[in-house]
Amino acid sequence: MNALLQFLELCWQKSKSPEMKIILQKAENYYTKARPDYTSSLEFQNLVTCKMNDIVKRPCSIYVFMKDVIDEIKARRLKKHKPPSKSHKASNGSVHISSNSDVAEPGPSGYTKEEGEDRAQKDTLEAVVDSAESAYVERQIKKLSKVLMVSHLCSRE
C-alpha cells in the first residue's frame, strides 16, 4: 500500500476539506477490495506515481487525477464468486432446485444488494467530487475576476 499511501497523503496535503476526507476513505476501501496482484504490480505503481506528478504540476485538477486512480482500482476489484445456479440436473434427469439463501437475488431495480451498494457508493463519490470541483472552480473564477478588475482599474489610471 506504499504507493497508494503516498498518493493519499499528497492528496490530503493539497486539500484538507471534508469532501477530501470522504474520498480518501472510499479510495482506501476500494484498495482493500482490489486484486493484490494488481495493486503490487509495476503498472499500478507507475499509474500512481504519474498521477502524483500530475497533482504536483496541476493541483487544480486533483479530483480528476484522483478519479483516474480510484476508477482503475475499482476496475481491478476482486470479483465475488457467484454461487452455482439454483437448479441442478441430477443424473436421473430430474431437476433439483436448491434453496440456497446465500444466493444474491436481484431486487426490483434489477441489481443485487452488493451491486446496489457499489452503485450508491459510486454515485456518492461522484457527487462529492463534482461538488468539490465546482467549489474549487468557483473560487478560482472569483479570484481571477478580482485580478481582472484590479488590472482593468490600474490600466485606466
N, C-alpha and C. Protein backbone atom coordinates (compact mmCIF):
# COMPACT_ATOMS: atom_id res chain seq x y z
N MET A 1 0.84 -1.20 0.00
CA MET A 1 0.00 0.00 0.00
C MET A 1 0.87 1.25 0.00
N ASN A 2 2.15 1.06 -0.18
CA ASN A 2 3.10 2.15 -0.09
C ASN A 2 2.80 3.26 -1.11
N ALA A 3 2.67 2.93 -2.39
CA ALA A 3 2.44 3.94 -3.42
C ALA A 3 1.10 4.64 -3.21
N LEU A 4 0.08 3.86 -2.93
CA LEU A 4 -1.24 4.46 -2.73
C LEU A 4 -1.24 5.33 -1.48
N LEU A 5 -0.56 4.90 -0.44
CA LEU A 5 -0.50 5.68 0.80
C LEU A 5 0.16 7.03 0.53
N GLN A 6 1.23 7.03 -0.23
CA GLN A 6 1.88 8.29 -0.59
C GLN A 6 0.94 9.17 -1.42
N PHE A 7 0.21 8.55 -2.32
CA PHE A 7 -0.75 9.27 -3.15
C PHE A 7 -1.83 9.92 -2.28
N LEU A 8 -2.39 9.15 -1.36
CA LEU A 8 -3.44 9.66 -0.49
C LEU A 8 -2.92 10.78 0.41
N GLU A 9 -1.70 10.62 0.90
CA GLU A 9 -1.10 11.66 1.74
C GLU A 9 -0.91 12.96 0.95
N LEU A 10 -0.47 12.82 -0.30
CA LEU A 10 -0.30 14.00 -1.15
C LEU A 10 -1.64 14.69 -1.38
N CYS A 11 -2.66 13.91 -1.65
CA CYS A 11 -4.00 14.48 -1.87
C CYS A 11 -4.48 15.20 -0.61
N TRP A 12 -4.23 14.62 0.54
CA TRP A 12 -4.66 15.23 1.81
C TRP A 12 -3.89 16.54 2.05
N GLN A 13 -2.61 16.56 1.68
CA GLN A 13 -1.81 17.78 1.84
C GLN A 13 -2.35 18.90 0.96
N LYS A 14 -2.82 18.55 -0.23
CA LYS A 14 -3.30 19.56 -1.18
C LYS A 14 -4.67 20.10 -0.80
N SER A 15 -5.49 19.28 -0.16
CA SER A 15 -6.84 19.72 0.20
C SER A 15 -7.30 18.96 1.44
N LYS A 16 -7.47 19.68 2.52
CA LYS A 16 -7.90 19.04 3.77
C LYS A 16 -9.38 19.31 4.03
N SER A 17 -10.16 19.25 2.96
CA SER A 17 -11.59 19.52 3.07
C SER A 17 -12.33 18.27 3.57
N PRO A 18 -13.54 18.44 4.08
CA PRO A 18 -14.34 17.28 4.50
C PRO A 18 -14.63 16.33 3.32
N GLU A 19 -14.80 16.92 2.13
CA GLU A 19 -15.05 16.09 0.95
C GLU A 19 -13.84 15.20 0.64
N MET A 20 -12.66 15.80 0.80
CA MET A 20 -11.43 15.04 0.53
C MET A 20 -11.32 13.87 1.49
N LYS A 21 -11.67 14.08 2.73
CA LYS A 21 -11.60 13.00 3.73
C LYS A 21 -12.49 11.83 3.31
N ILE A 22 -13.69 12.14 2.84
CA ILE A 22 -14.61 11.09 2.39
C ILE A 22 -14.04 10.35 1.19
N ILE A 23 -13.51 11.10 0.24
CA ILE A 23 -12.95 10.47 -0.97
C ILE A 23 -11.78 9.58 -0.61
N LEU A 24 -10.93 10.04 0.27
CA LEU A 24 -9.76 9.25 0.66
C LEU A 24 -10.17 7.96 1.38
N GLN A 25 -11.18 8.05 2.22
CA GLN A 25 -11.67 6.85 2.90
C GLN A 25 -12.22 5.84 1.89
N LYS A 26 -12.96 6.33 0.93
CA LYS A 26 -13.52 5.44 -0.09
C LYS A 26 -12.41 4.83 -0.94
N ALA A 27 -11.39 5.63 -1.24
CA ALA A 27 -10.26 5.12 -2.03
C ALA A 27 -9.57 3.98 -1.29
N GLU A 28 -9.36 4.17 0.01
CA GLU A 28 -8.74 3.10 0.81
C GLU A 28 -9.62 1.85 0.83
N ASN A 29 -10.92 2.06 0.93
CA ASN A 29 -11.86 0.95 0.93
C ASN A 29 -11.79 0.17 -0.39
N TYR A 30 -11.78 0.88 -1.50
CA TYR A 30 -11.67 0.22 -2.80
C TYR A 30 -10.32 -0.51 -2.92
N TYR A 31 -9.27 0.11 -2.39
CA TYR A 31 -7.94 -0.50 -2.46
C TYR A 31 -7.91 -1.85 -1.74
N THR A 32 -8.56 -1.91 -0.57
CA THR A 32 -8.56 -3.17 0.18
C THR A 32 -9.33 -4.26 -0.54
N LYS A 33 -10.24 -3.88 -1.45
CA LYS A 33 -11.01 -4.86 -2.20
C LYS A 33 -10.40 -5.18 -3.57
N ALA A 34 -9.29 -4.51 -3.88
CA ALA A 34 -8.67 -4.72 -5.19
C ALA A 34 -7.80 -5.98 -5.19
N ARG A 35 -7.54 -6.46 -6.38
CA ARG A 35 -6.69 -7.65 -6.53
C ARG A 35 -5.26 -7.31 -6.09
N PRO A 36 -4.72 -8.07 -5.15
CA PRO A 36 -3.36 -7.79 -4.67
C PRO A 36 -2.30 -7.88 -5.77
N ASP A 37 -2.50 -8.78 -6.73
CA ASP A 37 -1.51 -8.88 -7.80
C ASP A 37 -1.47 -7.60 -8.63
N TYR A 38 -2.59 -6.90 -8.74
CA TYR A 38 -2.60 -5.63 -9.48
C TYR A 38 -2.02 -4.50 -8.62
N THR A 39 -2.46 -4.39 -7.39
CA THR A 39 -2.01 -3.28 -6.54
C THR A 39 -0.52 -3.35 -6.21
N SER A 40 0.07 -4.52 -6.34
CA SER A 40 1.51 -4.64 -6.11
C SER A 40 2.29 -4.63 -7.43
N SER A 41 1.59 -4.47 -8.54
CA SER A 41 2.24 -4.52 -9.85
C SER A 41 2.94 -3.21 -10.18
N LEU A 42 3.88 -3.31 -11.09
CA LEU A 42 4.60 -2.15 -11.58
C LEU A 42 3.64 -1.21 -12.32
N GLU A 43 2.68 -1.77 -13.01
CA GLU A 43 1.68 -0.97 -13.73
C GLU A 43 0.95 -0.03 -12.77
N PHE A 44 0.50 -0.56 -11.64
CA PHE A 44 -0.21 0.26 -10.65
C PHE A 44 0.72 1.30 -10.04
N GLN A 45 1.94 0.88 -9.69
CA GLN A 45 2.90 1.81 -9.10
C GLN A 45 3.17 2.98 -10.06
N ASN A 46 3.31 2.66 -11.36
CA ASN A 46 3.56 3.71 -12.36
C ASN A 46 2.35 4.65 -12.50
N LEU A 47 1.16 4.09 -12.48
CA LEU A 47 -0.05 4.90 -12.56
C LEU A 47 -0.10 5.90 -11.41
N VAL A 48 0.11 5.39 -10.20
CA VAL A 48 0.03 6.24 -9.01
C VAL A 48 1.12 7.30 -9.04
N THR A 49 2.32 6.92 -9.41
CA THR A 49 3.44 7.87 -9.49
C THR A 49 3.15 8.96 -10.52
N CYS A 50 2.64 8.56 -11.67
CA CYS A 50 2.30 9.50 -12.73
C CYS A 50 1.23 10.49 -12.25
N LYS A 51 0.21 9.98 -11.58
CA LYS A 51 -0.87 10.85 -11.10
C LYS A 51 -0.38 11.76 -9.98
N MET A 52 0.57 11.30 -9.18
CA MET A 52 1.14 12.16 -8.14
C MET A 52 1.89 13.32 -8.80
N ASN A 53 2.66 13.01 -9.84
CA ASN A 53 3.38 14.06 -10.58
C ASN A 53 2.39 15.05 -11.19
N ASP A 54 1.29 14.53 -11.74
CA ASP A 54 0.27 15.40 -12.33
C ASP A 54 -0.33 16.33 -11.27
N ILE A 55 -0.58 15.79 -10.08
CA ILE A 55 -1.15 16.61 -9.00
C ILE A 55 -0.19 17.72 -8.60
N VAL A 56 1.09 17.41 -8.55
CA VAL A 56 2.08 18.43 -8.19
C VAL A 56 2.13 19.51 -9.27
N LYS A 57 2.06 19.10 -10.53
CA LYS A 57 2.13 20.06 -11.63
C LYS A 57 0.85 20.87 -11.78
N ARG A 58 -0.30 20.20 -11.58
CA ARG A 58 -1.59 20.87 -11.78
C ARG A 58 -2.53 20.55 -10.61
N PRO A 59 -2.32 21.17 -9.48
CA PRO A 59 -3.15 20.86 -8.30
C PRO A 59 -4.62 21.22 -8.48
N CYS A 60 -4.91 22.11 -9.43
CA CYS A 60 -6.31 22.48 -9.65
C CYS A 60 -7.12 21.30 -10.20
N SER A 61 -6.45 20.30 -10.74
CA SER A 61 -7.14 19.13 -11.30
C SER A 61 -7.00 17.90 -10.41
N ILE A 62 -6.78 18.11 -9.15
CA ILE A 62 -6.53 16.99 -8.22
C ILE A 62 -7.64 15.96 -8.25
N TYR A 63 -8.89 16.42 -8.32
CA TYR A 63 -10.01 15.49 -8.28
C TYR A 63 -10.09 14.64 -9.54
N VAL A 64 -9.67 15.19 -10.65
CA VAL A 64 -9.65 14.43 -11.90
C VAL A 64 -8.61 13.31 -11.79
N PHE A 65 -7.44 13.64 -11.27
CA PHE A 65 -6.38 12.64 -11.13
C PHE A 65 -6.74 11.58 -10.10
N MET A 66 -7.40 12.01 -9.03
CA MET A 66 -7.84 11.05 -8.02
C MET A 66 -8.86 10.09 -8.63
N LYS A 67 -9.77 10.62 -9.42
CA LYS A 67 -10.79 9.78 -10.04
C LYS A 67 -10.15 8.75 -10.96
N ASP A 68 -9.10 9.14 -11.68
CA ASP A 68 -8.40 8.19 -12.56
C ASP A 68 -7.87 7.00 -11.75
N VAL A 69 -7.24 7.29 -10.62
CA VAL A 69 -6.68 6.22 -9.79
C VAL A 69 -7.80 5.37 -9.18
N ILE A 70 -8.81 6.03 -8.64
CA ILE A 70 -9.91 5.30 -8.00
C ILE A 70 -10.65 4.43 -9.01
N ASP A 71 -10.89 4.96 -10.19
CA ASP A 71 -11.58 4.17 -11.23
C ASP A 71 -10.77 2.93 -11.60
N GLU A 72 -9.47 3.10 -11.67
CA GLU A 72 -8.61 1.97 -12.02
C GLU A 72 -8.63 0.91 -10.92
N ILE A 73 -8.61 1.35 -9.67
CA ILE A 73 -8.67 0.40 -8.55
C ILE A 73 -10.01 -0.33 -8.57
N LYS A 74 -11.09 0.42 -8.78
CA LYS A 74 -12.42 -0.19 -8.80
C LYS A 74 -12.53 -1.21 -9.93
N ALA A 75 -11.92 -0.92 -11.06
CA ALA A 75 -11.98 -1.84 -12.20
C ALA A 75 -11.22 -3.14 -11.90
N ARG A 76 -10.29 -3.08 -10.98
CA ARG A 76 -9.47 -4.26 -10.65
C ARG A 76 -9.88 -4.91 -9.34
N ARG A 77 -11.12 -4.69 -8.92
CA ARG A 77 -11.59 -5.30 -7.68
C ARG A 77 -11.67 -6.81 -7.80
N LEU A 78 -11.52 -7.45 -6.65
CA LEU A 78 -11.74 -8.89 -6.59
C LEU A 78 -13.21 -9.15 -6.86
N LYS A 79 -13.48 -10.05 -7.75
CA LYS A 79 -14.87 -10.39 -8.04
C LYS A 79 -15.33 -11.42 -7.03
N LYS A 80 -16.55 -11.21 -6.55
CA LYS A 80 -17.12 -12.19 -5.64
C LYS A 80 -17.51 -13.41 -6.45
N HIS A 81 -17.22 -14.57 -5.89
CA HIS A 81 -17.58 -15.80 -6.59
C HIS A 81 -19.08 -15.96 -6.57
N LYS A 82 -19.63 -16.21 -7.74
CA LYS A 82 -21.07 -16.44 -7.81
C LYS A 82 -21.34 -17.88 -7.41
N PRO A 83 -22.36 -18.08 -6.61
CA PRO A 83 -22.70 -19.44 -6.23
C PRO A 83 -23.25 -20.19 -7.44
N PRO A 84 -23.22 -21.51 -7.40
CA PRO A 84 -23.75 -22.27 -8.53
C PRO A 84 -25.22 -21.93 -8.75
N SER A 85 -25.68 -22.19 -9.95
CA SER A 85 -27.06 -21.86 -10.25
C SER A 85 -28.00 -22.62 -9.32
N LYS A 86 -29.21 -22.12 -9.22
CA LYS A 86 -30.16 -22.69 -8.27
C LYS A 86 -30.67 -24.06 -8.70
N SER A 87 -30.68 -24.32 -9.97
CA SER A 87 -31.22 -25.61 -10.39
C SER A 87 -30.08 -26.52 -10.83
N HIS A 88 -30.12 -27.73 -10.38
CA HIS A 88 -29.10 -28.73 -10.71
C HIS A 88 -29.80 -29.93 -11.31
N LYS A 89 -29.26 -30.39 -12.43
CA LYS A 89 -29.86 -31.56 -13.07
C LYS A 89 -29.19 -32.81 -12.49
N ALA A 90 -29.99 -33.65 -11.95
CA ALA A 90 -29.48 -34.89 -11.37
C ALA A 90 -29.16 -35.87 -12.49
N SER A 91 -28.41 -36.93 -12.15
CA SER A 91 -28.02 -37.91 -13.16
C SER A 91 -29.23 -38.66 -13.72
N ASN A 92 -30.33 -38.72 -12.98
CA ASN A 92 -31.51 -39.44 -13.48
C ASN A 92 -32.39 -38.54 -14.33
N GLY A 93 -31.94 -37.28 -14.59
CA GLY A 93 -32.71 -36.39 -15.45
C GLY A 93 -33.64 -35.46 -14.69
N SER A 94 -33.85 -35.71 -13.40
CA SER A 94 -34.73 -34.82 -12.65
C SER A 94 -33.98 -33.53 -12.31
N VAL A 95 -34.72 -32.47 -12.10
CA VAL A 95 -34.12 -31.17 -11.77
C VAL A 95 -34.37 -30.88 -10.31
N HIS A 96 -33.29 -30.60 -9.62
CA HIS A 96 -33.38 -30.25 -8.20
C HIS A 96 -33.11 -28.76 -8.07
N ILE A 97 -34.00 -28.06 -7.39
CA ILE A 97 -33.82 -26.63 -7.15
C ILE A 97 -33.43 -26.46 -5.70
N SER A 98 -32.23 -25.91 -5.50
CA SER A 98 -31.75 -25.74 -4.13
C SER A 98 -32.36 -24.50 -3.53
N SER A 99 -32.42 -24.51 -2.22
CA SER A 99 -32.92 -23.34 -1.51
C SER A 99 -31.76 -22.65 -0.84
N ASN A 100 -30.83 -22.19 -1.62
CA ASN A 100 -29.63 -21.54 -1.11
C ASN A 100 -29.96 -20.09 -0.78
N SER A 101 -30.02 -19.78 0.49
CA SER A 101 -30.39 -18.42 0.90
C SER A 101 -29.24 -17.44 0.70
N ASP A 102 -28.02 -17.95 0.41
CA ASP A 102 -26.88 -17.06 0.19
C ASP A 102 -26.86 -16.50 -1.22
N VAL A 103 -27.71 -16.98 -2.09
CA VAL A 103 -27.71 -16.53 -3.47
C VAL A 103 -28.24 -15.11 -3.51
N ALA A 104 -27.49 -14.23 -4.19
CA ALA A 104 -27.91 -12.83 -4.30
C ALA A 104 -29.01 -12.71 -5.34
N GLU A 105 -30.16 -12.34 -4.89
CA GLU A 105 -31.31 -12.16 -5.78
C GLU A 105 -31.40 -10.71 -6.20
N PRO A 106 -31.63 -10.47 -7.48
CA PRO A 106 -31.81 -9.08 -7.89
C PRO A 106 -33.06 -8.49 -7.25
N GLY A 107 -32.96 -7.24 -6.86
CA GLY A 107 -34.10 -6.54 -6.28
C GLY A 107 -34.97 -5.96 -7.38
N PRO A 108 -35.91 -5.11 -7.02
CA PRO A 108 -36.80 -4.51 -8.00
C PRO A 108 -36.06 -3.69 -9.05
N SER A 109 -34.88 -3.14 -8.69
CA SER A 109 -34.13 -2.33 -9.64
C SER A 109 -33.33 -3.19 -10.61
N GLY A 110 -33.29 -4.51 -10.38
CA GLY A 110 -32.51 -5.40 -11.24
C GLY A 110 -31.09 -5.60 -10.75
N TYR A 111 -30.71 -4.98 -9.64
CA TYR A 111 -29.38 -5.12 -9.08
C TYR A 111 -29.44 -5.93 -7.80
N THR A 112 -28.37 -6.68 -7.53
CA THR A 112 -28.28 -7.36 -6.25
C THR A 112 -27.96 -6.31 -5.20
N LYS A 113 -28.05 -6.69 -3.95
CA LYS A 113 -27.79 -5.75 -2.86
C LYS A 113 -26.37 -5.18 -2.96
N GLU A 114 -25.38 -6.05 -3.24
CA GLU A 114 -24.00 -5.61 -3.33
C GLU A 114 -23.81 -4.64 -4.49
N GLU A 115 -24.43 -4.96 -5.64
CA GLU A 115 -24.31 -4.07 -6.78
C GLU A 115 -24.96 -2.73 -6.48
N GLY A 116 -26.08 -2.76 -5.80
CA GLY A 116 -26.76 -1.53 -5.42
C GLY A 116 -25.92 -0.69 -4.49
N GLU A 117 -25.23 -1.35 -3.53
CA GLU A 117 -24.36 -0.62 -2.60
C GLU A 117 -23.18 -0.02 -3.34
N ASP A 118 -22.57 -0.81 -4.27
CA ASP A 118 -21.46 -0.30 -5.06
C ASP A 118 -21.91 0.91 -5.89
N ARG A 119 -23.07 0.80 -6.47
CA ARG A 119 -23.61 1.88 -7.30
C ARG A 119 -23.86 3.13 -6.42
N ALA A 120 -24.40 2.92 -5.23
CA ALA A 120 -24.65 4.04 -4.32
C ALA A 120 -23.33 4.69 -3.90
N GLN A 121 -22.31 3.88 -3.62
CA GLN A 121 -21.00 4.42 -3.26
C GLN A 121 -20.42 5.23 -4.41
N LYS A 122 -20.55 4.70 -5.62
CA LYS A 122 -20.03 5.38 -6.80
C LYS A 122 -20.75 6.71 -6.99
N ASP A 123 -22.08 6.69 -6.87
CA ASP A 123 -22.85 7.92 -7.03
C ASP A 123 -22.48 8.94 -5.97
N THR A 124 -22.29 8.48 -4.73
CA THR A 124 -21.90 9.38 -3.64
C THR A 124 -20.53 9.98 -3.92
N LEU A 125 -19.59 9.15 -4.32
CA LEU A 125 -18.24 9.60 -4.60
C LEU A 125 -18.25 10.62 -5.74
N GLU A 126 -18.98 10.33 -6.80
CA GLU A 126 -19.05 11.26 -7.93
C GLU A 126 -19.68 12.58 -7.52
N ALA A 127 -20.71 12.54 -6.68
CA ALA A 127 -21.37 13.77 -6.22
C ALA A 127 -20.41 14.60 -5.38
N VAL A 128 -19.65 13.93 -4.51
CA VAL A 128 -18.70 14.65 -3.66
C VAL A 128 -17.59 15.27 -4.51
N VAL A 129 -17.08 14.51 -5.47
CA VAL A 129 -16.03 15.02 -6.36
C VAL A 129 -16.56 16.20 -7.17
N ASP A 130 -17.75 16.06 -7.75
CA ASP A 130 -18.34 17.15 -8.53
C ASP A 130 -18.52 18.40 -7.68
N SER A 131 -19.01 18.21 -6.46
CA SER A 131 -19.24 19.34 -5.56
C SER A 131 -17.93 20.04 -5.22
N ALA A 132 -16.92 19.25 -4.90
CA ALA A 132 -15.62 19.82 -4.54
C ALA A 132 -14.99 20.53 -5.73
N GLU A 133 -15.08 19.92 -6.91
CA GLU A 133 -14.53 20.55 -8.11
C GLU A 133 -15.26 21.86 -8.40
N SER A 134 -16.58 21.85 -8.28
CA SER A 134 -17.37 23.05 -8.55
C SER A 134 -16.99 24.17 -7.59
N ALA A 135 -16.85 23.85 -6.32
CA ALA A 135 -16.48 24.85 -5.33
C ALA A 135 -15.09 25.41 -5.63
N TYR A 136 -14.18 24.54 -6.01
CA TYR A 136 -12.81 24.97 -6.33
C TYR A 136 -12.82 25.87 -7.55
N VAL A 137 -13.53 25.48 -8.58
CA VAL A 137 -13.60 26.27 -9.81
C VAL A 137 -14.24 27.63 -9.53
N GLU A 138 -15.29 27.64 -8.73
CA GLU A 138 -15.94 28.91 -8.39
C GLU A 138 -14.98 29.85 -7.66
N ARG A 139 -14.20 29.31 -6.73
CA ARG A 139 -13.22 30.14 -6.02
C ARG A 139 -12.17 30.69 -6.99
N GLN A 140 -11.71 29.85 -7.90
CA GLN A 140 -10.71 30.28 -8.88
C GLN A 140 -11.28 31.38 -9.78
N ILE A 141 -12.51 31.21 -10.22
CA ILE A 141 -13.14 32.22 -11.08
C ILE A 141 -13.27 33.54 -10.33
N LYS A 142 -13.67 33.47 -9.07
CA LYS A 142 -13.82 34.68 -8.25
C LYS A 142 -12.48 35.39 -8.11
N LYS A 143 -11.42 34.64 -7.85
CA LYS A 143 -10.09 35.23 -7.72
C LYS A 143 -9.64 35.88 -9.03
N LEU A 144 -9.86 35.17 -10.13
CA LEU A 144 -9.46 35.71 -11.44
C LEU A 144 -10.26 36.96 -11.78
N SER A 145 -11.52 36.97 -11.43
CA SER A 145 -12.36 38.14 -11.68
C SER A 145 -11.82 39.35 -10.93
N LYS A 146 -11.43 39.13 -9.68
CA LYS A 146 -10.86 40.22 -8.90
C LYS A 146 -9.57 40.74 -9.53
N VAL A 147 -8.71 39.82 -9.96
CA VAL A 147 -7.45 40.22 -10.59
C VAL A 147 -7.73 41.01 -11.86
N LEU A 148 -8.67 40.55 -12.66
CA LEU A 148 -9.01 41.27 -13.89
C LEU A 148 -9.56 42.65 -13.58
N MET A 149 -10.40 42.75 -12.57
CA MET A 149 -10.99 44.03 -12.19
C MET A 149 -9.90 44.99 -11.74
N VAL A 150 -8.98 44.52 -10.91
CA VAL A 150 -7.89 45.36 -10.41
C VAL A 150 -6.99 45.78 -11.57
N SER A 151 -6.65 44.84 -12.44
CA SER A 151 -5.77 45.19 -13.56
C SER A 151 -6.46 46.16 -14.51
N HIS A 152 -7.76 46.03 -14.68
CA HIS A 152 -8.52 46.94 -15.53
C HIS A 152 -8.53 48.34 -14.91
N LEU A 153 -8.72 48.41 -13.60
CA LEU A 153 -8.73 49.70 -12.92
C LEU A 153 -7.34 50.35 -12.95
N CYS A 154 -6.31 49.53 -12.81
CA CYS A 154 -4.94 50.05 -12.84
C CYS A 154 -4.58 50.57 -14.23
N SER A 155 -5.07 49.92 -15.25
CA SER A 155 -4.74 50.32 -16.61
C SER A 155 -5.46 51.61 -16.99
N ARG A 156 -6.53 51.98 -16.31
CA ARG A 156 -7.26 53.22 -16.58
C ARG A 156 -6.52 54.41 -16.01
N GLU A 157 -5.70 54.17 -14.98
CA GLU A 157 -5.00 55.29 -14.31
C GLU A 157 -3.79 55.73 -15.04
